[in-house]
C-alpha atoms as a PDB file:
ATOM      1  CA  MET A   1      88.032  56.561 104.239  1.00  0.00           C
ATOM      2  CA  GLU A   2      90.370  59.465 105.442  1.00  0.00           C
ATOM      3  CA  LYS A   3      90.361  61.508 108.470  1.00  0.00           C
ATOM      4  CA  GLN A   4      90.563  64.719 108.088  1.00  0.00           C
ATOM      5  CA  PRO A   5      92.150  66.983 110.900  1.00  0.00           C
ATOM      6  CA  ARG A   6      89.662  68.500 113.066  1.00  0.00           C
ATOM      7  CA  ASN A   7      91.168  71.886 113.333  1.00  0.00           C
ATOM      8  CA  PRO A   8      92.800  72.910 109.815  1.00  0.00           C
ATOM      9  CA  SER A   9      95.928  74.754 110.381  1.00  0.00           C
ATOM     10  CA  VAL A  10      96.124  78.264 108.591  1.00  0.00           C
ATOM     11  CA  THR A  11      99.695  77.693 107.027  1.00  0.00           C
ATOM     12  CA  GLY A  12      97.719  74.489 105.500  1.00  0.00           C
ATOM     13  CA  ARG A  13      96.203  76.723 102.577  1.00  0.00           C
ATOM     14  CA  ALA A  14      97.270  76.383  98.856  1.00  0.00           C
ATOM     15  CA  ARG A  15      97.215  79.625  98.196  1.00  0.00           C
ATOM     16  CA  THR A  16     101.161  80.181  99.026  1.00  0.00           C
ATOM     17  CA  GLY A  17     103.470  81.133  96.171  1.00  0.00           C
ATOM     18  CA  ARG A  18     107.348  82.410  95.782  1.00  0.00           C
ATOM     19  CA  ARG A  19     106.399  85.606  94.510  1.00  0.00           C
ATOM     20  CA  TYR A  20     104.876  87.514  97.608  1.00  0.00           C
ATOM     21  CA  TRP A  21     107.866  89.009  98.296  1.00  0.00           C
ATOM     22  CA  TYR A  22     107.787  90.836  95.416  1.00  0.00           C
ATOM     23  CA  VAL A  23     104.807  93.750  97.567  1.00  0.00           C
ATOM     24  CA  LEU A  24     107.650  93.564 100.433  1.00  0.00           C
ATOM     25  CA  ALA A  25     110.125  95.051  97.852  1.00  0.00           C
ATOM     26  CA  ALA A  26     107.755  97.338  96.314  1.00  0.00           C
ATOM     27  CA  GLN A  27     106.721  98.781  99.871  1.00  0.00           C
ATOM     28  CA  ILE A  28     110.371  99.529 100.630  1.00  0.00           C
ATOM     29  CA  VAL A  29     110.531 101.888  97.004  1.00  0.00           C
ATOM     30  CA  SER A  30     107.090 103.104  97.884  1.00  0.00           C
ATOM     31  CA  GLY A  31     108.775 104.155 101.274  1.00  0.00           C
ATOM     32  CA  VAL A  32     111.519 105.589 100.307  1.00  0.00           C
ATOM     33  CA  VAL A  33     109.524 107.848  97.420  1.00  0.00           C
ATOM     34  CA  VAL A  34     107.027 108.776  99.940  1.00  0.00           C
ATOM     35  CA  THR A  35     109.677 110.112 102.525  1.00  0.00           C
ATOM     36  CA  ILE A  36     111.317 111.829  99.316  1.00  0.00           C
ATOM     37  CA  TYR A  37     107.773 113.535  98.544  1.00  0.00           C
ATOM     38  CA  LEU A  38     107.161 114.837 102.049  1.00  0.00           C
ATOM     39  CA  ALA A  39     110.202 116.336 102.443  1.00  0.00           C
ATOM     40  CA  ILE A  40     109.569 118.259  99.395  1.00  0.00           C
ATOM     41  CA  ALA A  41     106.192 118.747 100.266  1.00  0.00           C
ATOM     42  CA  ALA A  42     107.411 120.189 103.633  1.00  0.00           C
ATOM     43  CA  ALA A  43     109.693 122.769 102.855  1.00  0.00           C
ATOM     44  CA  HIS A  44     106.372 123.983 100.786  1.00  0.00           C
ATOM     45  CA  VAL A  45     108.910 123.668  97.349  1.00  0.00           C
ATOM     46  CA  VAL A  46     106.458 122.443  94.765  1.00  0.00           C
ATOM     47  CA  VAL A  47     103.756 121.035  96.603  1.00  0.00           C
ATOM     48  CA  ALA A  48     102.418 121.314  99.983  1.00  0.00           C
ATOM     49  CA  PRO A  49     101.425 118.776 102.748  1.00  0.00           C
ATOM     50  CA  SER A  50      97.638 119.761 102.650  1.00  0.00           C
ATOM     51  CA  ASP A  51      97.414 119.269  99.113  1.00  0.00           C
ATOM     52  CA  LEU A  52      95.229 117.221  97.335  1.00  0.00           C
ATOM     53  CA  LEU A  53      98.196 115.592  95.326  1.00  0.00           C
ATOM     54  CA  THR A  54      99.745 114.680  98.594  1.00  0.00           C
ATOM     55  CA  GLY A  55      96.827 112.810  99.759  1.00  0.00           C
ATOM     56  CA  ILE A  56      96.582 110.856  96.466  1.00  0.00           C
ATOM     57  CA  VAL A  57     100.366 110.000  97.016  1.00  0.00           C
ATOM     58  CA  LEU A  58      99.744 109.104 100.585  1.00  0.00           C
ATOM     59  CA  SER A  59      96.661 106.565  99.795  1.00  0.00           C
ATOM     60  CA  VAL A  60      98.280 104.875  97.243  1.00  0.00           C
ATOM     61  CA  ALA A  61     101.232 104.214  99.009  1.00  0.00           C
ATOM     62  CA  SER A  62      98.782 103.710 102.028  1.00  0.00           C
ATOM     63  CA  LEU A  63      96.832 100.581 100.399  1.00  0.00           C
ATOM     64  CA  LEU A  64     100.380  99.016  99.365  1.00  0.00           C
ATOM     65  CA  SER A  65     101.654  98.980 103.182  1.00  0.00           C
ATOM     66  CA  VAL A  66      98.517  97.317 104.078  1.00  0.00           C
ATOM     67  CA  ALA A  67      99.077  94.528 101.620  1.00  0.00           C
ATOM     68  CA  VAL A  68     102.025  94.562 102.793  1.00  0.00           C
ATOM     69  CA  TYR A  69     100.817  91.952 106.166  1.00  0.00           C
ATOM     70  CA  PRO A  70      98.973  89.559 104.040  1.00  0.00           C
ATOM     71  CA  SER A  71     101.879  89.324 101.276  1.00  0.00           C
ATOM     72  CA  LEU A  72     104.422  88.795 104.247  1.00  0.00           C
ATOM     73  CA  PHE A  73     102.023  85.852 105.981  1.00  0.00           C
ATOM     74  CA  LYS A  74     101.706  83.903 102.550  1.00  0.00           C
ATOM     75  CA  ASP A  75     105.480  84.507 102.102  1.00  0.00           C
ATOM     76  CA  ALA A  76     106.560  83.302 105.515  1.00  0.00           C
ATOM     77  CA  ILE A  77     104.281  80.272 104.576  1.00  0.00           C
ATOM     78  CA  TYR A  78     106.367  79.653 101.547  1.00  0.00           C
ATOM     79  CA  VAL A  79     109.467  79.928 103.179  1.00  0.00           C
ATOM     80  CA  ASN A  80     108.281  77.795 106.046  1.00  0.00           C
ATOM     81  CA  ARG A  81     107.372  74.838 103.528  1.00  0.00           C
ATOM     82  CA  GLU A  82     111.032  75.084 101.861  1.00  0.00           C
ATOM     83  CA  HIS A  83     112.602  73.656 104.784  1.00  0.00           C
ATOM     84  CA  VAL A  84     115.427  76.110 104.883  1.00  0.00           C
ATOM     85  CA  GLU A  85     116.748  76.902 108.052  1.00  0.00           C
ATOM     86  CA  TRP A  86     114.915  80.129 108.661  1.00  0.00           C
ATOM     87  CA  GLU A  87     111.720  79.786 110.011  1.00  0.00           C
ATOM     88  CA  PRO A  88     110.097  83.165 109.377  1.00  0.00           C
ATOM     89  CA  ARG A  89     107.808  83.556 112.257  1.00  0.00           C
ATOM     90  CA  TRP A  90     104.997  86.038 110.635  1.00  0.00           C
ATOM     91  CA  TRP A  91     102.943  86.822 113.560  1.00  0.00           C
ATOM     92  CA  GLN A  92     105.667  88.761 114.775  1.00  0.00           C
ATOM     93  CA  TYR A  93     106.326  90.952 111.998  1.00  0.00           C
ATOM     94  CA  VAL A  94     102.957  91.383 111.193  1.00  0.00           C
ATOM     95  CA  GLY A  95     102.268  92.537 115.304  1.00  0.00           C
ATOM     96  CA  ILE A  96     105.317  94.906 115.504  1.00  0.00           C
ATOM     97  CA  GLY A  97     103.889  96.670 112.614  1.00  0.00           C
ATOM     98  CA  ILE A  98     100.365  96.663 113.924  1.00  0.00           C
ATOM     99  CA  GLY A  99     101.734  97.954 117.107  1.00  0.00           C
ATOM    100  CA  VAL A 100     104.048 100.481 116.354  1.00  0.00           C
ATOM    101  CA  THR A 101     101.357 101.986 114.099  1.00  0.00           C
ATOM    102  CA  PHE A 102      98.887 102.033 117.222  1.00  0.00           C
ATOM    103  CA  LEU A 103     101.346 103.404 119.425  1.00  0.00           C
ATOM    104  CA  ALA A 104     101.659 106.233 116.536  1.00  0.00           C
ATOM    105  CA  TYR A 105      98.244 107.262 116.087  1.00  0.00           C
ATOM    106  CA  LEU A 106      97.865 107.129 120.119  1.00  0.00           C
ATOM    107  CA  ALA A 107     100.369 109.495 120.227  1.00  0.00           C
ATOM    108  CA  VAL A 108      99.129 111.756 117.566  1.00  0.00           C
ATOM    109  CA  ARG A 109      95.610 111.647 119.055  1.00  0.00           C
ATOM    110  CA  THR A 110      97.253 112.490 122.477  1.00  0.00           C
ATOM    111  CA  VAL A 111      99.879 115.306 120.960  1.00  0.00           C
ATOM    112  CA  GLY A 112      98.457 116.737 117.553  1.00  0.00           C
ATOM    113  CA  ARG A 113      95.899 118.719 117.387  1.00  0.00           C
ATOM    114  CA  ASP A 114      96.739 119.921 114.026  1.00  0.00           C
ATOM    115  CA  GLU A 115      94.099 118.395 111.415  1.00  0.00           C
ATOM    116  CA  VAL A 116      96.383 118.913 108.403  1.00  0.00           C
ATOM    117  CA  LEU A 117      99.311 117.281 109.893  1.00  0.00           C
ATOM    118  CA  ALA A 118      98.041 115.085 111.568  1.00  0.00           C
ATOM    119  CA  PRO A 119      96.571 112.587 108.785  1.00  0.00           C
ATOM    120  CA  VAL A 120      99.610 113.166 106.701  1.00  0.00           C
ATOM    121  CA  LEU A 121     101.617 112.301 109.943  1.00  0.00           C
ATOM    122  CA  LEU A 122      99.483 108.908 110.476  1.00  0.00           C
ATOM    123  CA  LEU A 123      99.913 107.778 106.990  1.00  0.00           C
ATOM    124  CA  PHE A 124     103.517 108.264 106.776  1.00  0.00           C
ATOM    125  CA  VAL A 125     103.962 106.317 110.223  1.00  0.00           C
ATOM    126  CA  LEU A 126     101.625 103.524 108.426  1.00  0.00           C
ATOM    127  CA  ILE A 127     104.190 103.801 105.561  1.00  0.00           C
ATOM    128  CA  ALA A 128     107.085 103.966 106.836  1.00  0.00           C
ATOM    129  CA  VAL A 129     106.425 100.916 109.561  1.00  0.00           C
ATOM    130  CA  SER A 130     105.523  98.655 106.947  1.00  0.00           C
ATOM    131  CA  ALA A 131     108.320  99.299 104.557  1.00  0.00           C
ATOM    132  CA  GLY A 132     111.045  98.842 107.718  1.00  0.00           C
ATOM    133  CA  ILE A 133     109.241  95.599 108.005  1.00  0.00           C
ATOM    134  CA  SER A 134     109.463  94.849 105.022  1.00  0.00           C
ATOM    135  CA  THR A 135     113.003  95.301 104.991  1.00  0.00           C
ATOM    136  CA  VAL A 136     114.084  93.395 107.526  1.00  0.00           C
ATOM    137  CA  TYR A 137     111.572  90.598 106.411  1.00  0.00           C
ATOM    138  CA  LEU A 138     113.662  90.676 102.875  1.00  0.00           C
ATOM    139  CA  TYR A 139     116.883  90.959 104.567  1.00  0.00           C
ATOM    140  CA  ARG A 140     116.813  88.219 106.787  1.00  0.00           C
ATOM    141  CA  ARG A 141     114.736  85.885 103.905  1.00  0.00           C
ATOM    142  CA  HIS A 142     117.626  86.904 101.423  1.00  0.00           C
ATOM    143  CA  ARG A 143     120.222  85.278 104.061  1.00  0.00           C
ATOM    144  CA  ALA A 144     118.245  82.359 104.344  1.00  0.00           C
ATOM    145  CA  VAL A 145     116.997  81.766 100.512  1.00  0.00           C
ATOM    146  CA  GLY A 146     119.151  83.621  98.827  1.00  0.00           C
ATOM    147  CA  VAL A 147     116.295  84.982  96.415  1.00  0.00           C
ATOM    148  CA  PRO A 148     115.425  88.737  96.402  1.00  0.00           C
END
């Protein structure tokens, strides 16, 4: 009878695959699109930051930004299993992303009292930070693995 480990590793899970980096690439595209959209909204050309369409665009992009972190975890586990020279530490990317977003939240709560622009700014920071994390991770992954 085989003896099972007492504390199974979180990296021992079977649900890792080579396609999780697609979510990270989609977040980069989403970050660029949202940045352009908010630049247009800030100029009040077609839409305004307080419009319903702006809220919908930011909500959809924010959901994708939240999905970046589990996808990054699963892709980092996949890359670590492939025995390449680069061993990504997923917790660094997730920690930096969540930490910067939390610091932006604290800054907006203490400085910004505009009830219309504060939620827009917070969601934009979430989207921009996760797009930046995705960009750095995919660049390093491309140099090591070569796929994306």
